[in-house]
Amino acid sequence: MTDATPKLVDSHAHLDNSRFTEDLEEVILAAQTAGVRYILSIGCDLQSSITNVDLASRYEPLYAAVGFHPHDATQLDNSALEHLRQLVQRKKVVAVGEIGLDYYRNRAPHDIQQQAFRRQIQLAREVGKPVIIHDRDAHEDVLTILDEENASAVGGVLHCFSGDLAMAHKCLDMGFYLSFTGAITYPKNDEVRAMVRQLPLERILLETDCPYLAPQPYRGKRNEPAYLLHTAETLAEIKELKLADIARITSRNCFDLFGIGTCDTATTIAYQIRDSLYLNITNRCTNSCIFCAKFNDFVVKGHELKLDHEPDVEEVMTAIGDPTPYREIVFCGYGEPLLRLDLIKSVARRLKHHGCRIRINTDGQANLVHDRNILPELNGLVDAISVSLNAADATTYQNICRSRFGEQSFVAVKDFLRLAKEHIPEVTATMVTYPEIDVGACERLAEDLGVAFRIREYNEVG
């Protein structure tokens, strides 16, 4: 696996399945070659759980989860539960699963399934491990039991997610991740792809569920972890990102949920998303927006952005390296970049010598910060500027964005947008789809100001 190979995690496989008996080592090697660095192999009953724990101990890329699938719920007696309690505390066992409800095949009575589901969530809470949920035609009961058993305390994932967008949001609100298989590659699954497009990537995992649900190029054949690459490529198309972005973000999600692999927590000054390079130059901000993701963490698209100091010009240029491969260089981190106006001007001048396109993402309050119109100073240095408008009136703006300048800030943002047109070729007003924000009113205001308008999903950062 080269540095250029995306490093993916298959978050749900069944490598204990008899279809892998003859060639398991080759399957694992093929996965590594395809960029699947780690594989989580899932138990469905006591024997498969024991087998997966053994496989994880023998093969470095493998991790294990232990649990009783709803089909096997009748087998979960006190003795079996005690065996699970011992197994789940073994090395490289990262979750209780797969557990849940299946009202489609009904291989166990519903009340027995529910009891087994509850007992295993209780076990997960006891040992502090997340849960891996199987849900088929049992959405309401699954949500009810997750809530009543306080499964959010340990978190988890609804694997092979089969609910609609409304259910997805309920799961996200409870703190769960959603996982998707090769089924998103099937030509007729447009509705699923449309739903995935609206979900925050920071809460999505990728899985094969092998040997089942092979992606379209292998449909009808035995699925295996190497084929996760096709699902990842489809997710990249859906999200309009690069494969490298998908690999980085979903692998980070697996690390956050399961502790699988390692995570680079070093602060990032220059970070790539798609074909753009973003520059993270301050944590400080003029606003304290109620929807800002940094109040949860400082991670954007898998990059750690919490600075331990504000970099100087030389540090920024070193972090950039060769700027020519990028479509644009964007000043946009987890703070307000124009608080560091002098650094922006110095870095932009150097980048312009390489013919770089420069964009700034800003809250539009720089003229208040610096007590002058700073836009002429950006003339010739900045090709595009995106200004967070986020409201159509001063009161709503202050309620949502909580500027340190009070209600005068909204007037300043409008003036900044209006003046920017005189000095910067491309000026865009943006808004976040937060429930309290009137999209139509914001769009009309942008039109009145004579600038372009763009909508950003509030739960999709970067």
Foldseek 3Di string as FASTA:
>chain_A
DDPPQFAAEAEEAACVDPVNVPPVVVLVVLQVVNRDQAYEHEEAFQVSQVVQLVVCVVDVRYAYAAEHELLRLVVDDPVRVVSNLVSCPDPRHFEHDDAEDAPPVCNDPPVSSLVRRLSSLVSCVVVLHAYEYEDHPCLVSRLVSCVVSVSLSNEEEDEQDDDALVSVVSNVVSPYAYEHELVLQDPVVPRVLVSLLQDALLRYAYHHHWLPDQHDVQPPGGHGSSSSLVVLVSSCVSNVWDSNLSSLRNVVSCCVRGVRDDADQDAAQWDDIHQEIEGQFDQAAQWDFPLQPVVVNQDASNHHHDDPDGDALVVNCVSCDDVPSGQAYEHDGNYFRLLVVVSLLVNLVVVVVVVHAYEYEHQQQSCVNVVHLCLQSCAPRHAEYEHELAALAQVVCCVGTVGPVHSVRNVSNLVSQLVNVVGHVAYEYEHEVDPVHDPVSVCVSCVVSVHHYYYDHSSYGD
